[in-house]
């Protein structure tokens, strides 16, 4: 199935939260995906299984907590098949939550795969008009062993796979209007050689 930003092909999971009680925040955390190239197209996937750790902020721990979820997603092998499901969670008291050791171990495993949030103070991203629709990414020396950079931005922009050049920059082509990207914030997910990942938000310089 696909990561939150599938790349050139595929559709990300779509979440619809409803009937929310005693909750003031829901955050879906995405473990780092696998990079796959299919028919000269780049995509980011989860293989075999995945657990998406979800953080829920409770308003009052003494009150009943509930929420419902409508989820749409794709399951793919030789072809992709759309799936959907409806789920509901009711918690009478947080003290009543029972987690088995196996469940905790599985959750902790995927929590560790969620990219670490990093500062982008020493990271520079700028548009390169001389080479068409190209974004140049300059990482600081704090970031080494980066194998891939996944770039996410405005919905109207589609980014290709980033690659390095001889000047220590990463370059990534994009499809869309330059004006839709100038001065906008984009998200960089850095996949590290040997495992691990970082995530940061950077403003594109004109």
Foldseek 3Di string as FASTA:
>chain_A
DAFCFFAPDFHAKDKDKDPWDQWDDKDWFTFFFDWDADPNTITTHHPPDADTDMDTHGNDQQAKTKMKMWMWGWDDDPHIDIDIDIDMDIDRGPVPDDDDPVRVVRVVVRVQRGAAEDECPPKAWEADPVVPQKIKIADDPVDPQFDWKDKAFDPQKHKGTWDDDPVRIIMIGIDGDPVRQAQGKMKIWTAGPPGHIHIYIDTYHD
